[in-house]
Amino acid sequence: MSALPTPPRSPAPPQRQRPARPPVRRGRARWATRVATSLSVAVLAAAGIGHAVVTGLDSDINRIDPFKDMKNRPERGHGMNVLLVGTDGRDRITPEEKEKYRLGGAPCHCTDTVMIVHLSEDRRRASIVSLPRDSYAETPAHIDQTTGKRHGPHPVKLNAAYAEGGPRLTVRTVENMTHVKIDHYLEVDFTSFMKTVDVIGGVRICTARPLKDTYTGLDLPAGTHALNGGQALQYVRSRHIDGAADLGRMQRQQRFLAALIAQATSSGVLLNPVRFRDVTQAVLGSVRADKGFGTDELIDLGRAMRAFSPSSSEFTTVPIGKMGYAVKGIGSTLKWDEKKAGRLFRTLRDDKPLAPHRVRSRALRVDVAPQQIRVQVENGTMTAGLGGRVDSGLAATGFRTTRAPVNAQDRSARRTVVLYDPRWDRSAKSLAAALPGSELRAVPGRGPLMKVIAGADYTEVRKVRAEDPTQGEFDAVTGDQVVCP
């Protein structure tokens, strides 16, 4: 990088008589001068090294040209849009890792994950929009990259665009569907994903309920977990945990990205030029990107993310109008809600936030929202008014209490107890989480109304909220709403 020209000197200001100052000890003055000088040198050195150490790293990237010969593209909006594509490539994963993390079988050479990552013009916000891989899509005319056969426009599932025409057809299809101009293309496979997680020291994930998928081998009990690269891959690939299938998987992918941003911004990676280089070097050797994504873009991205926090990122999925939309020759697809999707992508083009600003809640995340749980409170002690305090505390947190607490038959309860029907065990666990130290006691046939018997150990009602909160028109959440507290 060439040196910046020295700016012309301004004429010296007229001398003004300064007010008298108290005498300063020379030792302190010299010490302060040395500290200031050292800090200045350190900052300048870091800035210089920042470019020096990253320069040349872009030569490690496997280059592709997904924009070649593209015409009639959408108009450029504000900010920068990156199409982030995750493929199922696994060529450089060891046989031991394939067996351990259930990565056997032949890859389909299609996209497991498709996201538009929008960086705002001021580089203070990242908006991530997930595009379901089974989305109903229509490809433009193209040549099949496998057979060489020319195809006219035709319907496909979105992930099949990559198999037919690679990155170029994927970009063209996404632009046609969203009318958002893609500025850069970044493709990550299983290898680069695992490397990224391992090189930053793992990622913390929280879950309010156990997650188990026999297909990927994922087996996480409720709680907080530090995932390495292979475990993180199991987490973001799993789609057989519950009935939410691929939509549930996308929510976990978004939650993982939020945790990844939190880890990268809090671990010092972005503030240490040498470590930033090491991390970047470890990752870039196994990704593919467009020719314009080079050294300057890497540095700009690193500088922008230095000021990031989990609340700087926001996540959503394109609105779905119809599940199970059958298409002849293709099968069941997801049909977008055209009006809502149109508003979503217009907001993205206009560089506006998707999620309204909100102060981060320190409430404990639970599986079932308190607004869905009915509770009757009983005072199990001789302390007057205890039942009323527990009832009011639960109601203030959102639980649907009867607002008519009563005294229990046994007034000698030492421990607070939650009585529940086993058919509503998830609701019972959410209620118990709001009452620290409480005991869960199953009562078959009780029905959906929970009973809380307040004991002598009662101290407080802890605020809780559902694990997957949604905000605003686009059901977007900010990163601080989904990362571990």
Protein backbone atom coordinates (compact mmCIF):
# COMPACT_ATOMS: atom_id res chain seq x y z
CA MET A 1 0.00 0.00 0.00
CA SER A 2 1.49 3.40 -0.98
CA ALA A 3 2.03 5.99 1.71
CA LEU A 4 -0.55 8.71 2.04
CA PRO A 5 0.68 12.20 0.99
CA THR A 6 1.61 14.53 3.82
CA PRO A 7 -1.12 17.16 4.25
CA PRO A 8 0.00 20.81 3.94
CA ARG A 9 0.74 22.52 7.21
CA SER A 10 -1.74 25.07 8.47
CA PRO A 11 -0.38 28.50 9.38
CA ALA A 12 0.61 28.76 13.01
CA PRO A 13 -2.15 30.23 15.18
CA PRO A 14 -1.39 33.46 16.98
CA GLN A 15 0.29 33.05 20.34
CA ARG A 16 -2.05 33.27 23.31
CA GLN A 17 -1.01 33.70 26.87
CA ARG A 18 -1.82 30.50 28.75
CA PRO A 19 -3.06 30.55 32.32
CA ALA A 20 -0.59 29.48 34.92
CA ARG A 21 -0.61 25.75 35.70
CA PRO A 22 0.43 24.03 38.89
CA PRO A 23 3.91 22.54 38.66
CA VAL A 24 4.08 18.97 37.34
CA ARG A 25 6.69 16.47 38.41
CA ARG A 26 9.01 15.63 35.53
CA GLY A 27 8.87 11.93 36.17
CA ARG A 28 5.11 11.81 35.69
CA ALA A 29 5.24 13.98 32.57
CA ARG A 30 7.88 11.74 30.97
CA TRP A 31 5.94 8.61 31.94
CA ALA A 32 2.72 9.99 30.39
CA THR A 33 4.58 10.95 27.20
CA ARG A 34 6.10 7.48 26.89
CA VAL A 35 2.73 5.78 27.39
CA ALA A 36 1.06 8.01 24.79
CA THR A 37 3.88 7.42 22.33
CA SER A 38 3.82 3.66 22.89
CA LEU A 39 0.04 3.51 22.37
CA SER A 40 0.31 5.55 19.18
CA VAL A 41 3.03 3.30 17.81
CA ALA A 42 1.03 0.19 18.75
CA VAL A 43 -2.09 1.45 16.98
CA LEU A 44 -0.17 2.43 13.86
CA ALA A 45 1.71 -0.86 13.84
CA ALA A 46 -1.49 -2.85 14.22
CA ALA A 47 -3.10 -0.94 11.36
CA GLY A 48 -0.09 -1.54 9.15
CA ILE A 49 0.22 -5.21 10.07
CA GLY A 50 -3.51 -5.59 9.58
CA HIS A 51 -3.11 -5.05 5.86
CA ALA A 52 0.32 -6.64 5.58
CA VAL A 53 -0.62 -9.95 7.18
CA VAL A 54 -3.86 -10.33 5.22
CA THR A 55 -2.39 -9.33 1.86
CA GLY A 56 -1.89 -12.47 -0.18
CA LEU A 57 -4.40 -14.58 1.73
CA ASP A 58 -6.92 -14.15 -1.07
CA SER A 59 -4.62 -16.29 -3.23
CA ASP A 60 -5.65 -19.25 -1.05
CA ILE A 61 -9.29 -18.91 -2.10
CA ASN A 62 -10.59 -21.17 -4.83
CA ARG A 63 -11.88 -18.60 -7.31
CA ILE A 64 -15.04 -18.86 -9.38
CA ASP A 65 -16.98 -16.40 -11.53
CA PRO A 66 -20.68 -16.74 -10.69
CA PHE A 67 -21.51 -13.41 -12.39
CA LYS A 68 -20.06 -14.14 -15.85
CA ASP A 69 -22.25 -12.98 -18.75
CA MET A 70 -25.13 -12.12 -16.42
CA LYS A 71 -27.60 -9.62 -17.88
CA ASN A 72 -30.79 -7.89 -16.75
CA ARG A 73 -29.70 -7.96 -13.12
CA PRO A 74 -31.56 -6.14 -10.33
CA GLU A 75 -30.57 -2.57 -9.54
CA ARG A 76 -27.99 -2.17 -6.82
CA GLY A 77 -29.43 -1.16 -3.47
CA HIS A 78 -27.66 0.15 -0.38
CA GLY A 79 -25.22 -1.95 1.58
CA MET A 80 -23.56 -5.19 0.46
CA ASN A 81 -25.25 -8.52 -0.25
CA VAL A 82 -23.37 -11.81 0.00
CA LEU A 83 -24.95 -15.08 -1.12
CA LEU A 84 -23.72 -17.64 1.40
CA VAL A 85 -24.09 -21.18 0.14
CA GLY A 86 -23.40 -24.34 2.13
CA THR A 87 -22.77 -27.49 0.11
CA ASP A 88 -22.41 -31.10 1.21
CA GLY A 89 -18.84 -31.46 -0.08
CA ARG A 90 -16.77 -33.68 2.21
CA ASP A 91 -13.76 -34.78 0.15
CA ARG A 92 -11.12 -33.59 2.63
CA ILE A 93 -12.74 -35.01 5.75
CA THR A 94 -10.94 -38.01 7.23
CA PRO A 95 -12.59 -41.46 7.29
CA GLU A 96 -12.57 -41.32 11.10
CA GLU A 97 -14.44 -38.00 11.09
CA LYS A 98 -16.94 -39.27 8.52
CA GLU A 99 -17.75 -42.22 10.74
CA LYS A 100 -17.84 -40.22 13.99
CA TYR A 101 -20.11 -37.48 12.67
CA ARG A 102 -22.23 -39.65 10.33
CA LEU A 103 -20.95 -38.10 7.10
CA GLY A 104 -21.03 -41.24 4.99
CA GLY A 105 -22.80 -41.62 1.67
CA ALA A 106 -22.32 -39.83 -1.60
CA PRO A 107 -22.87 -36.06 -1.67
CA CYS A 108 -25.73 -34.80 -3.82
CA HIS A 109 -23.64 -31.83 -5.07
CA CYS A 110 -26.47 -29.50 -4.13
CA THR A 111 -26.93 -26.75 -1.58
CA ASP A 112 -27.83 -27.69 1.98
CA THR A 113 -27.98 -24.04 2.99
CA VAL A 114 -28.77 -20.82 1.10
CA MET A 115 -28.63 -17.45 2.88
CA ILE A 116 -28.48 -13.82 1.85
CA VAL A 117 -26.15 -11.94 4.21
CA HIS A 118 -26.77 -8.19 3.99
CA LEU A 119 -24.19 -5.82 5.50
CA SER A 120 -25.61 -2.34 6.01
CA GLU A 121 -24.05 0.66 4.31
CA ASP A 122 -22.58 1.85 7.62
CA ARG A 123 -21.34 -1.69 8.37
CA ARG A 124 -23.06 -1.66 11.76
CA ARG A 125 -25.69 -4.31 11.05
CA ALA A 126 -25.81 -7.74 9.43
CA SER A 127 -29.17 -9.08 8.26
CA ILE A 128 -29.28 -12.80 7.46
CA VAL A 129 -32.22 -14.19 5.48
CA SER A 130 -32.53 -17.97 5.11
CA LEU A 131 -33.97 -19.31 1.86
CA PRO A 132 -35.34 -22.84 2.40
CA ARG A 133 -33.61 -25.36 0.18
CA ASP A 134 -36.98 -26.89 -0.78
CA SER A 135 -38.36 -23.53 -1.92
CA TYR A 136 -40.33 -23.62 -5.15
CA ALA A 137 -38.13 -21.83 -7.73
CA GLU A 138 -38.00 -21.25 -11.45
CA THR A 139 -34.59 -21.28 -13.10
CA PRO A 140 -33.67 -19.02 -16.02
CA ALA A 141 -32.55 -20.64 -19.27
CA HIS A 142 -29.14 -22.29 -18.82
CA ILE A 143 -26.80 -25.12 -19.76
CA ASP A 144 -26.67 -28.12 -17.42
CA GLN A 145 -23.13 -28.25 -16.00
CA THR A 146 -23.20 -32.05 -15.82
CA THR A 147 -24.76 -33.08 -19.14
CA GLY A 148 -24.08 -29.99 -21.23
CA LYS A 149 -27.74 -29.95 -22.24
CA ARG A 150 -29.44 -26.62 -22.79
CA HIS A 151 -32.52 -26.02 -20.62
CA GLY A 152 -35.25 -23.45 -20.90
CA PRO A 153 -36.79 -21.88 -17.80
CA HIS A 154 -38.39 -24.55 -15.62
CA PRO A 155 -39.50 -25.15 -12.00
CA VAL A 156 -37.14 -26.79 -9.49
CA LYS A 157 -36.46 -26.90 -5.79
CA LEU A 158 -34.02 -24.12 -4.98
CA ASN A 159 -31.20 -26.45 -3.97
CA ALA A 160 -31.36 -28.19 -7.37
CA ALA A 161 -30.25 -25.01 -9.15
CA TYR A 162 -26.70 -25.65 -7.92
CA ALA A 163 -26.72 -29.25 -9.14
CA GLU A 164 -27.86 -28.17 -12.62
CA GLY A 165 -25.88 -25.00 -13.15
CA GLY A 166 -23.52 -24.49 -10.22
CA PRO A 167 -22.92 -21.10 -8.56
CA ARG A 168 -23.90 -19.10 -11.65
CA LEU A 169 -27.37 -20.60 -11.95
CA THR A 170 -27.81 -20.38 -8.17
CA VAL A 171 -27.08 -16.65 -8.19
CA ARG A 172 -29.32 -16.04 -11.21
CA THR A 173 -32.18 -18.01 -9.64
CA VAL A 174 -31.91 -16.20 -6.30
CA GLU A 175 -31.76 -12.79 -7.97
CA ASN A 176 -34.83 -13.63 -10.09
CA MET A 177 -36.75 -14.72 -6.98
CA THR A 178 -35.75 -11.87 -4.66
CA HIS A 179 -34.88 -8.95 -6.96
CA VAL A 180 -31.89 -8.39 -4.69
CA LYS A 181 -28.57 -7.85 -6.47
CA ILE A 182 -25.89 -10.19 -5.16
CA ASP A 183 -22.51 -8.46 -4.77
CA HIS A 184 -20.43 -11.42 -3.63
CA TYR A 185 -20.67 -15.20 -3.54
CA LEU A 186 -19.19 -17.36 -0.79
CA GLU A 187 -19.41 -21.15 -0.80
CA VAL A 188 -18.65 -23.22 2.28
CA ASP A 189 -18.47 -27.02 2.40
CA PHE A 190 -18.38 -29.41 5.36
CA THR A 191 -14.58 -29.15 5.62
CA SER A 192 -14.39 -25.37 5.78
CA PHE A 193 -17.30 -25.27 8.22
CA MET A 194 -15.58 -27.61 10.67
CA LYS A 195 -12.29 -25.73 10.34
CA THR A 196 -13.95 -22.40 11.05
CA VAL A 197 -15.48 -23.63 14.30
CA ASP A 198 -12.33 -25.38 15.51
CA VAL A 199 -9.95 -22.51 14.73
CA ILE A 200 -11.93 -19.97 16.81
CA GLY A 201 -12.07 -22.38 19.74
CA GLY A 202 -15.58 -23.83 19.42
CA VAL A 203 -19.03 -22.29 19.76
CA ARG A 204 -21.42 -22.23 22.76
CA ILE A 205 -24.98 -23.37 22.06
CA CYS A 206 -27.92 -23.35 24.49
CA THR A 207 -31.04 -25.47 24.24
CA ALA A 208 -34.06 -25.55 26.53
CA ARG A 209 -34.91 -29.12 25.54
CA PRO A 210 -32.93 -32.21 24.48
CA LEU A 211 -31.97 -32.42 20.80
CA LYS A 212 -31.51 -35.86 19.30
CA ASP A 213 -31.25 -36.91 15.65
CA THR A 214 -30.33 -40.50 14.82
CA TYR A 215 -29.48 -39.51 11.23
CA THR A 216 -26.66 -37.10 12.14
CA GLY A 217 -25.82 -38.52 15.57
CA LEU A 218 -26.69 -35.28 17.34
CA ASP A 219 -27.45 -35.95 21.01
CA LEU A 220 -27.55 -32.84 23.22
CA PRO A 221 -29.31 -32.77 26.59
CA ALA A 222 -30.97 -29.54 27.67
CA GLY A 223 -28.44 -26.92 28.76
CA THR A 224 -25.34 -25.17 27.46
CA HIS A 225 -22.77 -26.94 25.28
CA ALA A 226 -19.39 -26.03 23.75
CA LEU A 227 -19.41 -27.59 20.28
CA ASN A 228 -16.33 -28.39 18.24
CA GLY A 229 -16.40 -28.38 14.43
CA GLY A 230 -17.83 -31.87 13.99
CA GLN A 231 -20.47 -31.44 16.67
CA ALA A 232 -21.47 -28.05 15.24
CA LEU A 233 -21.90 -29.68 11.84
CA GLN A 234 -24.26 -32.23 13.39
CA TYR A 235 -26.19 -29.37 15.01
CA VAL A 236 -26.74 -27.37 11.81
CA ARG A 237 -27.45 -30.45 9.64
CA SER A 238 -30.07 -32.10 11.85
CA ARG A 239 -33.60 -32.01 10.44
CA HIS A 240 -35.18 -35.08 12.08
CA ILE A 241 -35.47 -33.69 15.61
CA ASP A 242 -39.15 -32.80 15.46
CA GLY A 243 -41.96 -32.08 13.04
CA ALA A 244 -40.43 -28.71 12.07
CA ALA A 245 -37.97 -30.57 9.80
CA ASP A 246 -36.08 -28.15 7.52
CA LEU A 247 -37.63 -25.02 9.03
CA GLY A 248 -36.44 -26.09 12.47
CA ARG A 249 -33.01 -26.76 11.04
CA MET A 250 -32.84 -23.24 9.61
CA GLN A 251 -33.67 -21.79 13.02
CA ARG A 252 -30.78 -23.77 14.49
CA GLN A 253 -28.50 -22.58 11.68
CA GLN A 254 -29.45 -18.98 12.46
CA ARG A 255 -28.90 -19.54 16.18
CA PHE A 256 -25.51 -21.06 15.39
CA LEU A 257 -24.49 -18.10 13.21
CA ALA A 258 -25.45 -15.73 16.04
CA ALA A 259 -23.27 -17.74 18.44
CA LEU A 260 -20.43 -17.79 15.90
CA ILE A 261 -20.57 -13.99 15.59
CA ALA A 262 -20.63 -13.68 19.37
CA GLN A 263 -17.58 -15.93 19.68
CA ALA A 264 -15.62 -14.15 16.94
CA THR A 265 -16.34 -10.68 18.31
CA SER A 266 -15.67 -11.53 21.96
CA SER A 267 -12.61 -13.77 21.62
CA GLY A 268 -10.18 -11.11 20.35
CA VAL A 269 -9.83 -12.65 16.88
CA LEU A 270 -10.84 -9.44 15.12
CA LEU A 271 -8.67 -7.18 17.27
CA ASN A 272 -5.47 -9.16 16.80
CA PRO A 273 -4.17 -8.86 13.21
CA VAL A 274 -1.94 -11.92 13.48
CA ARG A 275 -4.72 -14.10 14.90
CA PHE A 276 -7.15 -12.72 12.32
CA ARG A 277 -4.69 -13.82 9.65
CA ASP A 278 -4.29 -17.30 11.16
CA VAL A 279 -8.04 -17.82 11.38
CA THR A 280 -8.61 -16.49 7.88
CA GLN A 281 -5.81 -18.62 6.46
CA ALA A 282 -7.17 -21.78 8.06
CA VAL A 283 -10.62 -21.17 6.62
CA LEU A 284 -9.99 -19.72 3.16
CA GLY A 285 -8.17 -22.76 1.87
CA SER A 286 -11.45 -24.67 1.71
CA VAL A 287 -13.96 -22.11 0.48
CA ARG A 288 -14.91 -20.83 -2.95
CA ALA A 289 -15.64 -17.17 -3.64
CA ASP A 290 -16.09 -14.75 -6.51
CA LYS A 291 -13.05 -12.93 -7.93
CA GLY A 292 -14.04 -9.64 -6.33
CA PHE A 293 -13.95 -11.00 -2.78
CA GLY A 294 -10.33 -10.24 -1.94
CA THR A 295 -7.93 -8.71 0.57
CA ASP A 296 -9.65 -5.33 0.84
CA GLU A 297 -13.05 -6.96 1.37
CA LEU A 298 -11.62 -9.23 4.08
CA ILE A 299 -10.10 -6.26 5.91
CA ASP A 300 -13.29 -4.20 5.56
CA LEU A 301 -15.31 -7.11 6.90
CA GLY A 302 -12.92 -7.60 9.81
CA ARG A 303 -12.98 -3.90 10.68
CA ALA A 304 -16.76 -3.77 10.48
CA MET A 305 -17.17 -6.77 12.76
CA ARG A 306 -14.89 -5.27 15.41
CA ALA A 307 -17.79 -3.05 16.41
CA PHE A 308 -20.29 -5.91 16.16
CA SER A 309 -22.10 -7.50 19.05
CA PRO A 310 -24.81 -10.18 18.97
CA SER A 311 -27.42 -7.42 18.83
CA SER A 312 -25.83 -6.14 15.60
CA SER A 313 -27.03 -9.21 13.74
CA GLU A 314 -30.61 -10.14 12.86
CA PHE A 315 -32.05 -13.34 11.44
CA THR A 316 -35.20 -14.39 9.64
CA THR A 317 -36.53 -16.88 7.10
CA VAL A 318 -38.36 -15.89 3.94
CA PRO A 319 -42.13 -16.01 4.68
CA ILE A 320 -43.80 -19.24 3.54
CA GLY A 321 -47.27 -19.06 1.98
CA LYS A 322 -47.92 -22.76 1.46
CA MET A 323 -46.27 -25.84 2.90
CA GLY A 324 -46.27 -29.01 0.84
CA TYR A 325 -46.85 -27.25 -2.49
CA ALA A 326 -46.89 -30.19 -4.93
CA VAL A 327 -45.15 -29.78 -8.28
CA LYS A 328 -45.28 -32.51 -10.95
CA GLY A 329 -41.92 -34.18 -11.42
CA ILE A 330 -40.43 -32.36 -8.43
CA GLY A 331 -42.51 -33.34 -5.42
CA SER A 332 -43.40 -31.36 -2.33
CA THR A 333 -42.01 -27.81 -2.18
CA LEU A 334 -42.38 -24.67 -0.06
CA LYS A 335 -44.20 -21.82 -1.81
CA TRP A 336 -43.22 -18.35 -0.65
CA ASP A 337 -45.79 -15.78 0.44
CA GLU A 338 -45.24 -13.40 -2.48
CA LYS A 339 -46.51 -10.23 -0.78
CA LYS A 340 -44.67 -10.72 2.49
CA ALA A 341 -41.51 -11.92 0.74
CA GLY A 342 -41.67 -8.88 -1.54
CA ARG A 343 -41.80 -6.54 1.46
CA LEU A 344 -38.95 -8.42 3.14
CA PHE A 345 -36.60 -8.09 0.17
CA ARG A 346 -37.62 -4.47 -0.45
CA THR A 347 -36.62 -3.74 3.16
CA LEU A 348 -33.30 -5.45 2.49
CA ARG A 349 -32.72 -3.40 -0.67
CA ASP A 350 -33.56 -0.21 1.23
CA ASP A 351 -30.98 -1.12 3.88
CA LYS A 352 -33.50 -1.00 6.73
CA PRO A 353 -33.51 -3.21 9.85
CA LEU A 354 -35.68 -6.32 9.79
CA ALA A 355 -36.09 -6.59 13.55
CA PRO A 356 -37.18 -3.66 15.70
CA HIS A 357 -34.67 -2.53 18.30
CA ARG A 358 -35.23 -4.03 21.71
CA VAL A 359 -33.28 -4.12 24.92
CA ARG A 360 -31.89 -7.56 25.56
CA SER A 361 -33.93 -9.55 28.05
CA ARG A 362 -32.07 -11.47 30.73
CA ALA A 363 -34.99 -13.88 31.05
CA LEU A 364 -34.24 -17.58 31.10
CA ARG A 365 -35.24 -19.33 27.86
CA VAL A 366 -37.74 -22.16 28.21
CA ASP A 367 -39.42 -24.54 25.80
CA VAL A 368 -43.03 -23.39 26.31
CA ALA A 369 -44.08 -19.74 26.56
CA PRO A 370 -45.47 -18.85 30.02
CA GLN A 371 -48.54 -17.32 28.32
CA GLN A 372 -49.58 -20.87 27.38
CA ILE A 373 -49.38 -22.30 30.91
CA ARG A 374 -52.28 -22.20 33.42
CA VAL A 375 -51.37 -22.23 37.13
CA GLN A 376 -53.15 -22.48 40.47
CA VAL A 377 -51.03 -21.35 43.44
CA GLU A 378 -51.37 -22.70 46.98
CA ASN A 379 -49.57 -21.48 50.11
CA GLY A 380 -47.95 -24.51 51.72
CA THR A 381 -46.60 -22.57 54.72
CA MET A 382 -47.91 -20.59 57.67
CA THR A 383 -46.42 -17.37 56.19
CA ALA A 384 -49.32 -15.03 55.53
CA GLY A 385 -49.53 -13.66 51.99
CA LEU A 386 -46.94 -16.02 50.48
CA GLY A 387 -49.43 -17.50 48.01
CA GLY A 388 -50.36 -14.02 46.81
CA ARG A 389 -46.73 -13.05 46.27
CA VAL A 390 -46.04 -16.22 44.24
CA ASP A 391 -49.22 -15.77 42.21
CA SER A 392 -48.40 -12.12 41.44
CA GLY A 393 -44.80 -12.97 40.52
CA LEU A 394 -45.85 -15.71 38.11
CA ALA A 395 -48.53 -13.52 36.55
CA ALA A 396 -46.03 -10.68 36.06
CA THR A 397 -43.77 -13.11 34.18
CA GLY A 398 -46.61 -14.08 31.85
CA PHE A 399 -48.07 -17.24 33.39
CA ARG A 400 -51.88 -17.55 33.30
CA THR A 401 -52.50 -17.82 37.03
CA THR A 402 -56.01 -18.03 38.48
CA ARG A 403 -55.27 -14.82 40.47
CA ALA A 404 -57.02 -16.58 43.38
CA PRO A 405 -54.33 -18.27 45.49
CA VAL A 406 -55.53 -20.49 48.35
CA ASN A 407 -54.01 -22.19 51.38
CA ALA A 408 -52.86 -25.78 50.97
CA GLN A 409 -54.22 -28.53 53.21
CA ASP A 410 -50.68 -29.23 54.46
CA ARG A 411 -49.07 -25.97 55.70
CA SER A 412 -45.66 -27.52 56.51
CA ALA A 413 -44.12 -27.57 53.02
CA ARG A 414 -40.39 -26.93 53.16
CA ARG A 415 -39.85 -27.08 49.39
CA THR A 416 -41.88 -25.53 46.59
CA VAL A 417 -43.57 -28.23 44.49
CA VAL A 418 -45.02 -28.16 40.96
CA LEU A 419 -47.78 -30.75 40.45
CA TYR A 420 -48.42 -31.57 36.80
CA ASP A 421 -49.94 -34.08 34.38
CA PRO A 422 -47.16 -36.03 32.55
CA ARG A 423 -48.84 -35.16 29.25
CA TRP A 424 -47.84 -31.53 29.87
CA ASP A 425 -44.29 -32.23 31.02
CA ARG A 426 -42.71 -29.54 28.81
CA SER A 427 -45.00 -26.90 30.29
CA ALA A 428 -44.19 -28.16 33.79
CA LYS A 429 -40.45 -27.81 33.17
CA SER A 430 -40.95 -24.26 31.94
CA LEU A 431 -42.93 -23.43 35.09
CA ALA A 432 -40.36 -25.06 37.37
CA ALA A 433 -37.60 -23.01 35.69
CA ALA A 434 -39.36 -19.87 36.96
CA LEU A 435 -39.27 -21.20 40.53
CA PRO A 436 -35.60 -21.87 41.42
CA GLY A 437 -35.13 -25.02 43.49
CA SER A 438 -38.69 -26.26 43.01
CA GLU A 439 -39.55 -29.96 42.76
CA LEU A 440 -41.51 -31.47 39.86
CA ARG A 441 -44.09 -34.06 40.90
CA ALA A 442 -46.15 -35.92 38.26
CA VAL A 443 -49.86 -36.46 38.92
CA PRO A 444 -51.45 -38.51 36.09
CA GLY A 445 -54.91 -37.30 35.08
CA ARG A 446 -54.50 -33.83 36.52
CA GLY A 447 -55.02 -32.12 33.15
CA PRO A 448 -53.42 -28.91 31.82
CA LEU A 449 -53.84 -26.84 35.01
CA MET A 450 -50.56 -26.83 36.94
CA LYS A 451 -50.51 -26.51 40.73
CA VAL A 452 -47.75 -24.71 42.59
CA ILE A 453 -47.49 -25.38 46.34
CA ALA A 454 -45.26 -22.60 47.69
CA GLY A 455 -42.80 -23.90 50.29
CA ALA A 456 -40.58 -22.28 52.90
CA ASP A 457 -37.66 -22.30 50.42
CA TYR A 458 -39.40 -19.88 48.05
CA THR A 459 -37.24 -16.83 47.23
CA GLU A 460 -38.39 -15.37 43.92
CA VAL A 461 -40.02 -15.90 40.53
CA ARG A 462 -37.42 -15.87 37.80
CA LYS A 463 -38.36 -14.29 34.47
CA VAL A 464 -38.63 -16.80 31.61
CA ARG A 465 -39.49 -16.55 27.94
CA ALA A 466 -40.01 -18.94 25.06
CA GLU A 467 -36.87 -20.21 23.35
CA ASP A 468 -37.82 -18.92 19.88
CA PRO A 469 -39.17 -15.38 20.24
CA THR A 470 -40.21 -13.53 17.09
CA GLN A 471 -40.29 -9.81 16.52
CA GLY A 472 -41.82 -7.50 13.97
CA GLU A 473 -43.41 -8.06 10.59
CA PHE A 474 -40.74 -10.46 9.35
CA ASP A 475 -40.48 -12.62 12.49
CA ALA A 476 -36.86 -11.52 12.72
CA VAL A 477 -34.79 -11.97 15.86
CA THR A 478 -31.54 -10.27 16.83
CA GLY A 479 -28.52 -12.32 17.76
CA ASP A 480 -28.67 -11.41 21.44
CA GLN A 481 -32.14 -12.97 21.64
CA VAL A 482 -30.86 -16.43 20.68
CA VAL A 483 -27.28 -16.72 21.97
CA CYS A 484 -26.44 -18.12 25.39
CA PRO A 485 -26.97 -15.53 28.16
